[in-house]
PDB file of N, CA and C in Angstrom:
ATOM      1  N   MET A   1     -46.425 -28.276-169.277  1.00  0.00           N
ATOM      2  CA  MET A   1     -47.454 -27.548-168.487  1.00  0.00           C
ATOM      3  C   MET A   1     -46.748 -26.280-168.015  1.00  0.00           C
ATOM      4  N   GLU A   2     -47.618 -25.314-168.034  1.00  0.00           N
ATOM      5  CA  GLU A   2     -47.037 -23.893-167.722  1.00  0.00           C
ATOM      6  C   GLU A   2     -47.894 -23.261-166.455  1.00  0.00           C
ATOM      7  N   GLU A   3     -47.235 -22.430-165.686  1.00  0.00           N
ATOM      8  CA  GLU A   3     -48.085 -21.848-164.644  1.00  0.00           C
ATOM      9  C   GLU A   3     -47.760 -20.295-164.617  1.00  0.00           C
ATOM     10  N   THR A   4     -48.624 -19.561-164.680  1.00  0.00           N
ATOM     11  CA  THR A   4     -48.374 -18.005-164.711  1.00  0.00           C
ATOM     12  C   THR A   4     -48.012 -17.601-163.272  1.00  0.00           C
ATOM     13  N   LEU A   5     -47.268 -16.514-163.179  1.00  0.00           N
ATOM     14  CA  LEU A   5     -46.908 -15.933-162.071  1.00  0.00           C
ATOM     15  C   LEU A   5     -47.248 -14.519-162.074  1.00  0.00           C
ATOM     16  N   TYR A   6     -47.920 -13.964-161.104  1.00  0.00           N
ATOM     17  CA  TYR A   6     -48.335 -12.631-161.003  1.00  0.00           C
ATOM     18  C   TYR A   6     -47.832 -11.754-159.987  1.00  0.00           C
ATOM     19  N   ASP A   7     -47.569 -10.461-160.271  1.00  0.00           N
ATOM     20  CA  ASP A   7     -47.114  -9.567-159.284  1.00  0.00           C
ATOM     21  C   ASP A   7     -48.059  -9.256-158.283  1.00  0.00           C
ATOM     22  N   ILE A   8     -47.787  -8.611-157.308  1.00  0.00           N
ATOM     23  CA  ILE A   8     -48.626  -8.289-156.136  1.00  0.00           C
ATOM     24  C   ILE A   8     -49.977  -7.413-156.465  1.00  0.00           C
ATOM     25  N   GLN A   9     -50.026  -6.760-157.600  1.00  0.00           N
ATOM     26  CA  GLN A   9     -51.197  -6.135-158.231  1.00  0.00           C
ATOM     27  C   GLN A   9     -51.885  -7.048-159.117  1.00  0.00           C
ATOM     28  N   GLY A  10     -51.475  -8.215-159.491  1.00  0.00           N
ATOM     29  CA  GLY A  10     -52.199  -9.144-160.155  1.00  0.00           C
ATOM     30  C   GLY A  10     -51.975  -9.002-161.668  1.00  0.00           C
ATOM     31  N   ASN A  11     -50.955  -8.447-161.958  1.00  0.00           N
ATOM     32  CA  ASN A  11     -50.419  -8.354-163.429  1.00  0.00           C
ATOM     33  C   ASN A  11     -49.699  -9.651-163.805  1.00  0.00           C
ATOM     34  N   PRO A  12     -49.931 -10.341-164.956  1.00  0.00           N
ATOM     35  CA  PRO A  12     -49.041 -11.376-165.344  1.00  0.00           C
ATOM     36  C   PRO A  12     -47.613 -10.984-165.684  1.00  0.00           C
ATOM     37  N   ILE A  13     -46.616 -11.506-165.060  1.00  0.00           N
ATOM     38  CA  ILE A  13     -45.219 -10.999-165.324  1.00  0.00           C
ATOM     39  C   ILE A  13     -44.472 -12.163-165.781  1.00  0.00           C
ATOM     40  N   ALA A  14     -44.434 -13.304-165.456  1.00  0.00           N
ATOM     41  CA  ALA A  14     -43.779 -14.315-165.852  1.00  0.00           C
ATOM     42  C   ALA A  14     -44.415 -15.866-165.919  1.00  0.00           C
ATOM     43  N   TYR A  15     -43.884 -16.794-166.195  1.00  0.00           N
ATOM     44  CA  TYR A  15     -44.524 -18.166-166.108  1.00  0.00           C
ATOM     45  C   TYR A  15     -43.335 -19.024-165.830  1.00  0.00           C
ATOM     46  N   ILE A  16     -43.805 -20.155-165.194  1.00  0.00           N
ATOM     47  CA  ILE A  16     -42.867 -21.441-165.178  1.00  0.00           C
ATOM     48  C   ILE A  16     -43.385 -22.482-166.248  1.00  0.00           C
ATOM     49  N   ALA A  17     -42.286 -22.903-166.857  1.00  0.00           N
ATOM     50  CA  ALA A  17     -42.448 -23.886-167.896  1.00  0.00           C
ATOM     51  C   ALA A  17     -41.829 -25.227-167.262  1.00  0.00           C
ATOM     52  N   TYR A  18     -42.680 -26.126-166.914  1.00  0.00           N
ATOM     53  CA  TYR A  18     -42.158 -27.380-166.360  1.00  0.00           C
ATOM     54  C   TYR A  18     -42.033 -28.362-167.564  1.00  0.00           C
ATOM     55  N   GLY A  19     -40.933 -29.037-167.414  1.00  0.00           N
ATOM     56  CA  GLY A  19     -40.458 -29.991-168.416  1.00  0.00           C
ATOM     57  C   GLY A  19     -39.398 -30.805-167.674  1.00  0.00           C
ATOM     58  N   ASN A  20     -38.305 -30.967-168.357  1.00  0.00           N
ATOM     59  CA  ASN A  20     -37.153 -31.616-167.633  1.00  0.00           C
ATOM     60  C   ASN A  20     -36.759 -30.888-166.369  1.00  0.00           C
ATOM     61  N   GLU A  21     -36.820 -29.481-166.484  1.00  0.00           N
ATOM     62  CA  GLU A  21     -36.656 -28.759-165.327  1.00  0.00           C
ATOM     63  C   GLU A  21     -37.777 -27.604-165.452  1.00  0.00           C
ATOM     64  N   ALA A  22     -37.769 -26.807-164.398  1.00  0.00           N
ATOM     65  CA  ALA A  22     -38.702 -25.771-164.126  1.00  0.00           C
ATOM     66  C   ALA A  22     -38.233 -24.541-164.397  1.00  0.00           C
ATOM     67  N   VAL A  23     -38.302 -23.957-165.526  1.00  0.00           N
ATOM     68  CA  VAL A  23     -37.572 -22.582-165.913  1.00  0.00           C
ATOM     69  C   VAL A  23     -38.645 -21.655-165.897  1.00  0.00           C
ATOM     70  N   ILE A  24     -38.354 -20.393-165.306  1.00  0.00           N
ATOM     71  CA  ILE A  24     -39.126 -19.008-165.312  1.00  0.00           C
ATOM     72  C   ILE A  24     -38.729 -18.234-166.440  1.00  0.00           C
ATOM     73  N   TYR A  25     -39.668 -17.935-167.135  1.00  0.00           N
ATOM     74  CA  TYR A  25     -39.703 -16.952-168.297  1.00  0.00           C
ATOM     75  C   TYR A  25     -40.454 -15.779-168.189  1.00  0.00           C
ATOM     76  N   MET A  26     -39.920 -14.631-168.593  1.00  0.00           N
ATOM     77  CA  MET A  26     -40.556 -13.468-168.484  1.00  0.00           C
ATOM     78  C   MET A  26     -41.673 -13.647-169.596  1.00  0.00           C
ATOM     79  N   TRP A  27     -42.685 -12.652-169.507  1.00  0.00           N
ATOM     80  CA  TRP A  27     -43.717 -12.791-170.432  1.00  0.00           C
ATOM     81  C   TRP A  27     -43.160 -12.471-171.794  1.00  0.00           C
ATOM     82  N   GLN A  28     -42.096 -11.982-172.113  1.00  0.00           N
ATOM     83  CA  GLN A  28     -41.570 -11.677-173.385  1.00  0.00           C
ATOM     84  C   GLN A  28     -40.722 -12.773-173.872  1.00  0.00           C
ATOM     85  N   GLY A  29     -40.689 -13.906-173.204  1.00  0.00           N
ATOM     86  CA  GLY A  29     -40.003 -15.129-173.697  1.00  0.00           C
ATOM     87  C   GLY A  29     -38.656 -15.276-173.204  1.00  0.00           C
ATOM     88  N   LYS A  30     -38.209 -14.550-172.279  1.00  0.00           N
ATOM     89  CA  LYS A  30     -36.583 -14.422-172.011  1.00  0.00           C
ATOM     90  C   LYS A  30     -36.476 -15.285-170.590  1.00  0.00           C
ATOM     91  N   PRO A  31     -35.616 -16.262-170.701  1.00  0.00           N
ATOM     92  CA  PRO A  31     -35.629 -17.046-169.457  1.00  0.00           C
ATOM     93  C   PRO A  31     -34.641 -16.496-168.558  1.00  0.00           C
ATOM     94  N   VAL A  32     -35.164 -16.258-167.209  1.00  0.00           N
ATOM     95  CA  VAL A  32     -34.390 -15.442-166.328  1.00  0.00           C
ATOM     96  C   VAL A  32     -33.961 -16.351-165.078  1.00  0.00           C
ATOM     97  N   ALA A  33     -34.615 -17.439-164.645  1.00  0.00           N
ATOM     98  CA  ALA A  33     -34.395 -18.226-163.347  1.00  0.00           C
ATOM     99  C   ALA A  33     -35.073 -19.474-163.581  1.00  0.00           C
ATOM    100  N   TYR A  34     -34.696 -20.290-162.565  1.00  0.00           N
ATOM    101  CA  TYR A  34     -35.311 -21.699-162.506  1.00  0.00           C
ATOM    102  C   TYR A  34     -35.398 -22.030-161.079  1.00  0.00           C
ATOM    103  N   LEU A  35     -36.195 -23.283-160.994  1.00  0.00           N
ATOM    104  CA  LEU A  35     -36.470 -23.578-159.639  1.00  0.00           C
ATOM    105  C   LEU A  35     -35.502 -24.859-159.419  1.00  0.00           C
ATOM    106  N   HIS A  36     -34.948 -24.798-158.281  1.00  0.00           N
ATOM    107  CA  HIS A  36     -33.992 -25.881-157.678  1.00  0.00           C
ATOM    108  C   HIS A  36     -34.812 -26.159-156.240  1.00  0.00           C
ATOM    109  N   GLY A  37     -35.529 -27.314-156.121  1.00  0.00           N
ATOM    110  CA  GLY A  37     -36.295 -27.519-155.042  1.00  0.00           C
ATOM    111  C   GLY A  37     -37.394 -26.350-154.858  1.00  0.00           C
ATOM    112  N   ASP A  38     -37.352 -25.806-153.672  1.00  0.00           N
ATOM    113  CA  ASP A  38     -38.142 -24.696-153.435  1.00  0.00           C
ATOM    114  C   ASP A  38     -37.470 -23.211-153.804  1.00  0.00           C
ATOM    115  N   CYS A  39     -36.113 -23.511-153.953  1.00  0.00           N
ATOM    116  CA  CYS A  39     -35.344 -22.184-154.408  1.00  0.00           C
ATOM    117  C   CYS A  39     -35.625 -21.761-155.670  1.00  0.00           C
ATOM    118  N   ILE A  40     -35.424 -20.287-155.809  1.00  0.00           N
ATOM    119  CA  ILE A  40     -35.458 -19.887-157.183  1.00  0.00           C
ATOM    120  C   ILE A  40     -34.029 -19.235-157.460  1.00  0.00           C
ATOM    121  N   TYR A  41     -33.462 -19.744-158.343  1.00  0.00           N
ATOM    122  CA  TYR A  41     -32.047 -19.126-159.015  1.00  0.00           C
ATOM    123  C   TYR A  41     -32.122 -18.501-160.271  1.00  0.00           C
ATOM    124  N   GLY A  42     -31.318 -17.520-160.327  1.00  0.00           N
ATOM    125  CA  GLY A  42     -31.160 -16.907-161.604  1.00  0.00           C
ATOM    126  C   GLY A  42     -30.229 -17.603-162.476  1.00  0.00           C
ATOM    127  N   PHE A  43     -30.157 -17.468-163.772  1.00  0.00           N
ATOM    128  CA  PHE A  43     -29.157 -18.260-164.548  1.00  0.00           C
ATOM    129  C   PHE A  43     -27.795 -17.802-164.453  1.00  0.00           C
ATOM    130  N   ASN A  44     -27.615 -16.575-163.608  1.00  0.00           N
ATOM    131  CA  ASN A  44     -26.396 -16.118-163.188  1.00  0.00           C
ATOM    132  C   ASN A  44     -25.892 -16.698-161.918  1.00  0.00           C
ATOM    133  N   GLY A  45     -26.667 -17.567-161.445  1.00  0.00           N
ATOM    134  CA  GLY A  45     -26.296 -18.265-160.306  1.00  0.00           C
ATOM    135  C   GLY A  45     -26.700 -17.636-158.806  1.00  0.00           C
ATOM    136  N   LYS A  46     -27.422 -16.537-158.984  1.00  0.00           N
ATOM    137  CA  LYS A  46     -27.709 -15.837-157.846  1.00  0.00           C
ATOM    138  C   LYS A  46     -28.969 -16.485-157.217  1.00  0.00           C
ATOM    139  N   HIS A  47     -29.025 -16.539-155.868  1.00  0.00           N
ATOM    140  CA  HIS A  47     -30.219 -17.167-155.207  1.00  0.00           C
ATOM    141  C   HIS A  47     -31.177 -15.932-155.044  1.00  0.00           C
ATOM    142  N   LEU A  48     -32.353 -15.940-155.785  1.00  0.00           N
ATOM    143  CA  LEU A  48     -33.323 -15.066-155.745  1.00  0.00           C
ATOM    144  C   LEU A  48     -34.322 -15.024-154.626  1.00  0.00           C
ATOM    145  N   GLY A  49     -34.791 -16.064-154.140  1.00  0.00           N
ATOM    146  CA  GLY A  49     -35.767 -16.382-153.201  1.00  0.00           C
ATOM    147  C   GLY A  49     -36.406 -17.715-153.301  1.00  0.00           C
ATOM    148  N   TRP A  50     -37.687 -17.763-153.000  1.00  0.00           N
ATOM    149  CA  TRP A  50     -38.241 -19.033-152.772  1.00  0.00           C
ATOM    150  C   TRP A  50     -39.603 -19.038-153.351  1.00  0.00           C
ATOM    151  N   TYR A  51     -40.032 -20.296-153.786  1.00  0.00           N
ATOM    152  CA  TYR A  51     -41.437 -20.484-154.367  1.00  0.00           C
ATOM    153  C   TYR A  51     -42.095 -21.577-153.476  1.00  0.00           C
ATOM    154  N   ASP A  52     -42.897 -21.137-152.767  1.00  0.00           N
ATOM    155  CA  ASP A  52     -43.552 -22.181-151.734  1.00  0.00           C
ATOM    156  C   ASP A  52     -44.955 -21.780-151.677  1.00  0.00           C
ATOM    157  N   ARG A  53     -45.529 -22.982-152.073  1.00  0.00           N
ATOM    158  CA  ARG A  53     -47.164 -23.205-152.116  1.00  0.00           C
ATOM    159  C   ARG A  53     -47.810 -22.112-152.979  1.00  0.00           C
ATOM    160  N   GLY A  54     -47.115 -21.814-154.109  1.00  0.00           N
ATOM    161  CA  GLY A  54     -47.533 -20.835-155.043  1.00  0.00           C
ATOM    162  C   GLY A  54     -47.226 -19.399-154.840  1.00  0.00           C
ATOM    163  N   ILE A  55     -46.448 -19.208-153.849  1.00  0.00           N
ATOM    164  CA  ILE A  55     -46.166 -17.773-153.387  1.00  0.00           C
ATOM    165  C   ILE A  55     -44.588 -17.646-153.698  1.00  0.00           C
ATOM    166  N   ILE A  56     -44.260 -16.428-154.337  1.00  0.00           N
ATOM    167  CA  ILE A  56     -42.870 -16.021-154.559  1.00  0.00           C
ATOM    168  C   ILE A  56     -42.485 -15.226-153.664  1.00  0.00           C
ATOM    169  N   ARG A  57     -41.240 -15.591-152.827  1.00  0.00           N
ATOM    170  CA  ARG A  57     -40.863 -14.768-151.772  1.00  0.00           C
ATOM    171  C   ARG A  57     -39.404 -14.400-152.136  1.00  0.00           C
ATOM    172  N   ASN A  58     -38.845 -13.096-151.797  1.00  0.00           N
ATOM    173  CA  ASN A  58     -37.705 -12.678-151.799  1.00  0.00           C
ATOM    174  C   ASN A  58     -36.873 -13.122-150.665  1.00  0.00           C
ATOM    175  N   THR A  59     -35.408 -12.963-150.514  1.00  0.00           N
ATOM    176  CA  THR A  59     -34.543 -13.450-149.652  1.00  0.00           C
ATOM    177  C   THR A  59     -34.792 -12.777-148.317  1.00  0.00           C
ATOM    178  N   ASP A  60     -35.685 -11.831-148.292  1.00  0.00           N
ATOM    179  CA  ASP A  60     -36.218 -11.367-146.904  1.00  0.00           C
ATOM    180  C   ASP A  60     -37.260 -12.020-146.330  1.00  0.00           C
ATOM    181  N   GLY A  61     -37.962 -12.862-147.147  1.00  0.00           N
ATOM    182  CA  GLY A  61     -39.177 -13.475-146.822  1.00  0.00           C
ATOM    183  C   GLY A  61     -40.525 -12.920-147.184  1.00  0.00           C
ATOM    184  N   LEU A  62     -40.305 -11.528-147.867  1.00  0.00           N
ATOM    185  CA  LEU A  62     -41.546 -10.825-148.296  1.00  0.00           C
ATOM    186  C   LEU A  62     -41.998 -11.443-149.527  1.00  0.00           C
ATOM    187  N   ILE A  63     -43.244 -11.020-149.703  1.00  0.00           N
ATOM    188  CA  ILE A  63     -44.061 -11.684-151.116  1.00  0.00           C
ATOM    189  C   ILE A  63     -43.818 -10.866-152.246  1.00  0.00           C
ATOM    190  N   ASN A  64     -43.374 -11.305-153.280  1.00  0.00           N
ATOM    191  CA  ASN A  64     -43.215 -10.631-154.469  1.00  0.00           C
ATOM    192  C   ASN A  64     -44.092 -10.818-155.608  1.00  0.00           C
ATOM    193  N   GLY A  65     -44.637 -12.096-155.442  1.00  0.00           N
ATOM    194  CA  GLY A  65     -45.723 -12.541-156.337  1.00  0.00           C
ATOM    195  C   GLY A  65     -46.387 -13.897-156.081  1.00  0.00           C
ATOM    196  N   PHE A  66     -47.149 -14.553-157.005  1.00  0.00           N
ATOM    197  CA  PHE A  66     -47.964 -15.729-156.538  1.00  0.00           C
ATOM    198  C   PHE A  66     -48.601 -16.314-158.066  1.00  0.00           C
ATOM    199  N   ASN A  67     -48.921 -17.323-157.812  1.00  0.00           N
ATOM    200  CA  ASN A  67     -49.838 -18.152-158.985  1.00  0.00           C
ATOM    201  C   ASN A  67     -51.144 -17.886-158.643  1.00  0.00           C
ATOM    202  N   LYS A  68     -52.170 -18.190-159.598  1.00  0.00           N
ATOM    203  CA  LYS A  68     -53.351 -17.887-159.550  1.00  0.00           C
ATOM    204  C   LYS A  68     -54.142 -18.565-158.394  1.00  0.00           C
ATOM    205  N   LYS A  69     -53.870 -19.746-157.874  1.00  0.00           N
ATOM    206  CA  LYS A  69     -54.381 -20.333-156.762  1.00  0.00           C
ATOM    207  C   LYS A  69     -54.082 -19.717-155.514  1.00  0.00           C
ATOM    208  N   ALA A  70     -52.841 -19.072-155.218  1.00  0.00           N
ATOM    209  CA  ALA A  70     -52.428 -18.304-154.151  1.00  0.00           C
ATOM    210  C   ALA A  70     -52.562 -16.993-154.083  1.00  0.00           C
ATOM    211  N   SER A  71     -53.387 -16.496-155.207  1.00  0.00           N
ATOM    212  CA  SER A  71     -53.644 -15.098-155.192  1.00  0.00           C
ATOM    213  C   SER A  71     -54.556 -14.555-154.153  1.00  0.00           C
ATOM    214  N   ASP A  72     -54.164 -13.345-153.633  1.00  0.00           N
ATOM    215  CA  ASP A  72     -55.280 -12.744-152.809  1.00  0.00           C
ATOM    216  C   ASP A  72     -55.811 -11.580-153.508  1.00  0.00           C
ATOM    217  N   VAL A  73     -55.645 -11.149-154.869  1.00  0.00           N
ATOM    218  CA  VAL A  73     -56.008 -10.216-155.592  1.00  0.00           C
ATOM    219  C   VAL A  73     -56.621 -10.646-156.874  1.00  0.00           C
ATOM    220  N   PHE A  74     -57.406  -9.836-157.391  1.00  0.00           N
ATOM    221  CA  PHE A  74     -57.965 -10.162-158.668  1.00  0.00           C
ATOM    222  C   PHE A  74     -56.831 -10.221-159.837  1.00  0.00           C
ATOM    223  N   VAL A  75     -56.777 -11.336-160.446  1.00  0.00           N
ATOM    224  CA  VAL A  75     -55.649 -11.328-161.614  1.00  0.00           C
ATOM    225  C   VAL A  75     -56.074 -10.829-162.790  1.00  0.00           C
ATOM    226  N   LYS A  76     -55.181 -10.219-163.622  1.00  0.00           N
ATOM    227  CA  LYS A  76     -55.642  -9.553-164.920  1.00  0.00           C
ATOM    228  C   LYS A  76     -55.532 -10.561-166.058  1.00  0.00           C
ATOM    229  N   PHE A  77     -55.908 -10.276-167.060  1.00  0.00           N
ATOM    230  CA  PHE A  77     -56.144 -11.236-168.362  1.00  0.00           C
ATOM    231  C   PHE A  77     -54.589 -11.400-168.797  1.00  0.00           C
ATOM    232  N   GLU A  78     -54.275 -12.586-169.276  1.00  0.00           N
ATOM    233  CA  GLU A  78     -52.958 -12.757-169.787  1.00  0.00           C
ATOM    234  C   GLU A  78     -52.810 -12.718-171.187  1.00  0.00           C
ATOM    235  N   PRO A  79     -52.022 -11.730-171.496  1.00  0.00           N
ATOM    236  CA  PRO A  79     -51.838 -11.414-173.020  1.00  0.00           C
ATOM    237  C   PRO A  79     -51.068 -12.610-173.670  1.00  0.00           C
ATOM    238  N   PHE A  80     -50.990 -12.529-175.183  1.00  0.00           N
ATOM    239  CA  PHE A  80     -50.284 -13.497-175.700  1.00  0.00           C
ATOM    240  C   PHE A  80     -48.785 -13.642-175.248  1.00  0.00           C
ATOM    241  N   LYS A  81     -48.321 -14.854-175.083  1.00  0.00           N
ATOM    242  CA  LYS A  81     -46.928 -14.997-174.550  1.00  0.00           C
ATOM    243  C   LYS A  81     -45.949 -15.012-175.976  1.00  0.00           C
ATOM    244  N   GLU A  82     -44.828 -14.281-175.750  1.00  0.00           N
ATOM    245  CA  GLU A  82     -43.979 -14.226-177.055  1.00  0.00           C
ATOM    246  C   GLU A  82     -43.146 -15.492-177.031  1.00  0.00           C
ATOM    247  N   PHE A  83     -42.509 -15.927-178.112  1.00  0.00           N
ATOM    248  CA  PHE A  83     -41.672 -17.215-178.185  1.00  0.00           C
ATOM    249  C   PHE A  83     -40.623 -17.235-177.092  1.00  0.00           C
ATOM    250  N   LYS A  84     -40.422 -18.460-176.719  1.00  0.00           N
ATOM    251  CA  LYS A  84     -39.344 -18.695-175.649  1.00  0.00           C
ATOM    252  C   LYS A  84     -38.003 -18.599-176.432  1.00  0.00           C
ATOM    253  N   GLN A  85     -37.054 -17.937-175.713  1.00  0.00           N
ATOM    254  CA  GLN A  85     -35.826 -17.687-176.146  1.00  0.00           C
ATOM    255  C   GLN A  85     -34.959 -19.043-175.704  1.00  0.00           C
ATOM    256  N   PHE A  86     -33.785 -19.213-176.095  1.00  0.00           N
ATOM    257  CA  PHE A  86     -32.933 -20.416-175.786  1.00  0.00           C
ATOM    258  C   PHE A  86     -32.592 -20.182-174.193  1.00  0.00           C
ATOM    259  N   ILE A  87     -32.466 -21.224-173.508  1.00  0.00           N
ATOM    260  CA  ILE A  87     -32.155 -21.300-172.194  1.00  0.00           C
ATOM    261  C   ILE A  87     -30.672 -21.151-172.096  1.00  0.00           C
ATOM    262  N   PRO A  88     -30.083 -20.146-171.287  1.00  0.00           N
ATOM    263  CA  PRO A  88     -28.621 -20.065-171.126  1.00  0.00           C
ATOM    264  C   PRO A  88     -28.028 -21.228-170.248  1.00  0.00           C
ATOM    265  N   PHE A  89     -26.622 -21.180-170.417  1.00  0.00           N
ATOM    266  CA  PHE A  89     -25.964 -22.069-169.560  1.00  0.00           C
ATOM    267  C   PHE A  89     -26.170 -21.595-168.139  1.00  0.00           C
ATOM    268  N   LYS A  90     -26.323 -22.441-167.175  1.00  0.00           N
ATOM    269  CA  LYS A  90     -26.547 -22.024-165.638  1.00  0.00           C
ATOM    270  C   LYS A  90     -25.098 -21.626-165.196  1.00  0.00           C
ATOM    271  N   SER A  91     -25.022 -20.736-164.452  1.00  0.00           N
ATOM    272  CA  SER A  91     -23.871 -20.350-163.850  1.00  0.00           C
ATOM    273  C   SER A  91     -23.846 -21.176-162.323  1.00  0.00           C
ATOM    274  N   PHE A  92     -22.615 -21.261-161.892  1.00  0.00           N
ATOM    275  CA  PHE A  92     -22.493 -21.866-160.587  1.00  0.00           C
ATOM    276  C   PHE A  92     -23.572 -21.370-159.581  1.00  0.00           C
ATOM    277  N   ARG A  93     -24.329 -22.124-158.729  1.00  0.00           N
ATOM    278  CA  ARG A  93     -25.212 -21.574-157.842  1.00  0.00           C
ATOM    279  C   ARG A  93     -24.540 -21.170-156.587  1.00  0.00           C
ATOM    280  N   GLU A  94     -24.864 -19.967-156.088  1.00  0.00           N
ATOM    281  CA  GLU A  94     -24.367 -19.434-154.751  1.00  0.00           C
ATOM    282  C   GLU A  94     -25.164 -20.251-153.684  1.00  0.00           C
ATOM    283  N   ILE A  95     -24.716 -20.291-152.547  1.00  0.00           N
ATOM    284  CA  ILE A  95     -25.375 -20.908-151.554  1.00  0.00           C
ATOM    285  C   ILE A  95     -26.631 -20.168-151.164  1.00  0.00           C
ATOM    286  N   ALA A  96     -27.634 -21.105-150.970  1.00  0.00           N
ATOM    287  CA  ALA A  96     -28.983 -20.450-150.747  1.00  0.00           C
ATOM    288  C   ALA A  96     -28.796 -19.753-149.375  1.00  0.00           C
ATOM    289  N   TYR A  97     -29.547 -18.669-149.350  1.00  0.00           N
ATOM    290  CA  TYR A  97     -29.803 -17.861-147.946  1.00  0.00           C
ATOM    291  C   TYR A  97     -30.510 -18.689-146.949  1.00  0.00           C
ATOM    292  N   THR A  98     -30.273 -18.381-145.772  1.00  0.00           N
ATOM    293  CA  THR A  98     -31.027 -19.159-144.710  1.00  0.00           C
ATOM    294  C   THR A  98     -32.555 -18.588-144.852  1.00  0.00           C
ATOM    295  N   LYS A  99     -33.444 -19.515-144.765  1.00  0.00           N
ATOM    296  CA  LYS A  99     -34.931 -19.312-145.013  1.00  0.00           C
ATOM    297  C   LYS A  99     -35.235 -18.282-143.843  1.00  0.00           C
ATOM    298  N   PRO A 100     -35.818 -17.051-144.030  1.00  0.00           N
ATOM    299  CA  PRO A 100     -36.249 -16.358-142.906  1.00  0.00           C
ATOM    300  C   PRO A 100     -37.739 -16.714-142.722  1.00  0.00           C
ATOM    301  N   PHE A 101     -38.234 -16.116-141.577  1.00  0.00           N
ATOM    302  CA  PHE A 101     -39.556 -16.120-141.145  1.00  0.00           C
ATOM    303  C   PHE A 101     -40.195 -15.611-142.379  1.00  0.00           C
ATOM    304  N   PHE A 102     -41.137 -16.501-142.883  1.00  0.00           N
ATOM    305  CA  PHE A 102     -42.034 -16.030-144.231  1.00  0.00           C
ATOM    306  C   PHE A 102     -43.147 -15.012-143.538  1.00  0.00           C
ATOM    307  N   SER A 103     -43.030 -13.861-143.846  1.00  0.00           N
ATOM    308  CA  SER A 103     -43.999 -12.844-143.612  1.00  0.00           C
ATOM    309  C   SER A 103     -45.243 -12.857-144.532  1.00  0.00           C
ATOM    310  N   ILE A 104     -46.120 -12.057-144.062  1.00  0.00           N
ATOM    311  CA  ILE A 104     -47.463 -11.909-144.747  1.00  0.00           C
ATOM    312  C   ILE A 104     -47.239 -10.465-145.564  1.00  0.00           C
ATOM    313  N   ARG A 105     -46.225  -9.853-145.356  1.00  0.00           N
ATOM    314  CA  ARG A 105     -46.072  -8.430-145.752  1.00  0.00           C
ATOM    315  C   ARG A 105     -45.503  -8.525-147.324  1.00  0.00           C
ATOM    316  N   LYS A 106     -45.895  -7.651-147.995  1.00  0.00           N
ATOM    317  CA  LYS A 106     -45.705  -7.722-149.635  1.00  0.00           C
ATOM    318  C   LYS A 106     -44.407  -6.721-149.857  1.00  0.00           C
ATOM    319  N   SER A 107     -43.613  -7.222-150.666  1.00  0.00           N
ATOM    320  CA  SER A 107     -42.463  -6.519-151.005  1.00  0.00           C
ATOM    321  C   SER A 107     -42.727  -5.251-151.769  1.00  0.00           C
ATOM    322  N   SER A 108     -41.968  -4.019-151.740  1.00  0.00           N
ATOM    323  CA  SER A 108     -42.161  -2.910-152.500  1.00  0.00           C
ATOM    324  C   SER A 108     -41.484  -3.214-153.787  1.00  0.00           C
ATOM    325  N   ASP A 109     -40.443  -4.127-153.901  1.00  0.00           N
ATOM    326  CA  ASP A 109     -39.717  -4.413-155.101  1.00  0.00           C
ATOM    327  C   ASP A 109     -40.692  -5.144-156.269  1.00  0.00           C
ATOM    328  N   PRO A 110     -40.529  -4.694-157.442  1.00  0.00           N
ATOM    329  CA  PRO A 110     -41.436  -5.403-158.421  1.00  0.00           C
ATOM    330  C   PRO A 110     -41.065  -6.925-158.727  1.00  0.00           C
ATOM    331  N   LEU A 111     -41.815  -7.653-158.841  1.00  0.00           N
ATOM    332  CA  LEU A 111     -41.572  -9.077-159.235  1.00  0.00           C
ATOM    333  C   LEU A 111     -40.657  -9.225-160.401  1.00  0.00           C
ATOM    334  N   SER A 112     -40.923  -8.214-161.611  1.00  0.00           N
ATOM    335  CA  SER A 112     -39.976  -8.327-162.728  1.00  0.00           C
ATOM    336  C   SER A 112     -38.619  -7.910-162.342  1.00  0.00           C
ATOM    337  N   GLN A 113     -38.483  -6.859-161.490  1.00  0.00           N
ATOM    338  CA  GLN A 113     -36.950  -6.571-161.094  1.00  0.00           C
ATOM    339  C   GLN A 113     -36.248  -7.951-160.338  1.00  0.00           C
ATOM    340  N   MET A 114     -37.049  -8.440-159.490  1.00  0.00           N
ATOM    341  CA  MET A 114     -36.575  -9.570-158.684  1.00  0.00           C
ATOM    342  C   MET A 114     -36.076 -10.619-159.680  1.00  0.00           C
ATOM    343  N   LEU A 115     -36.950 -10.996-160.625  1.00  0.00           N
ATOM    344  CA  LEU A 115     -36.503 -12.118-161.507  1.00  0.00           C
ATOM    345  C   LEU A 115     -35.586 -11.701-162.765  1.00  0.00           C
ATOM    346  N   LEU A 116     -35.562 -10.500-163.055  1.00  0.00           N
ATOM    347  CA  LEU A 116     -34.602  -9.858-164.063  1.00  0.00           C
ATOM    348  C   LEU A 116     -33.121  -9.849-163.415  1.00  0.00           C
ATOM    349  N   SER A 117     -33.125  -9.702-161.983  1.00  0.00           N
ATOM    350  CA  SER A 117     -31.786  -9.754-161.560  1.00  0.00           C
ATOM    351  C   SER A 117     -31.071 -11.054-161.515  1.00  0.00           C
ATOM    352  N   GLY A 118     -31.755 -12.108-161.914  1.00  0.00           N
ATOM    353  CA  GLY A 118     -31.116 -13.460-162.209  1.00  0.00           C
ATOM    354  C   GLY A 118     -30.849 -13.773-163.657  1.00  0.00           C
ATOM    355  N   ALA A 119     -31.147 -12.799-164.512  1.00  0.00           N
ATOM    356  CA  ALA A 119     -30.794 -13.091-165.980  1.00  0.00           C
ATOM    357  C   ALA A 119     -29.240 -12.925-166.297  1.00  0.00           C
ATOM    358  N   LYS A 120     -29.002 -13.536-167.281  1.00  0.00           N
ATOM    359  CA  LYS A 120     -27.530 -13.506-167.879  1.00  0.00           C
ATOM    360  C   LYS A 120     -27.525 -12.405-168.892  1.00  0.00           C
TER     361      LYS A 120
END
């Protein structure tokens, strides 16, 4: 099963592939992060934020993206996904940030930038 992740403008940026683990791939097939509980970790071990009720939040609690069900904007058409690349070895996970108050404000940082900061 796969779930598309959209940026705050409704563009498909990434998707979560659920299997033995929940891996986040960029639309071009690059694995950049994974879910550990409700935390989003990059393969480089960096804590990137949270995935809570379909909403992606950065470490400041601001909204960076969402799935279709949690969307508050019109989502755009999903283009063809490129082949998935091999999943890299996970680096040691840093300790998760303390959860901030989850804001209704949207982050000015692009979802792609947030997720790519976790790539190896």
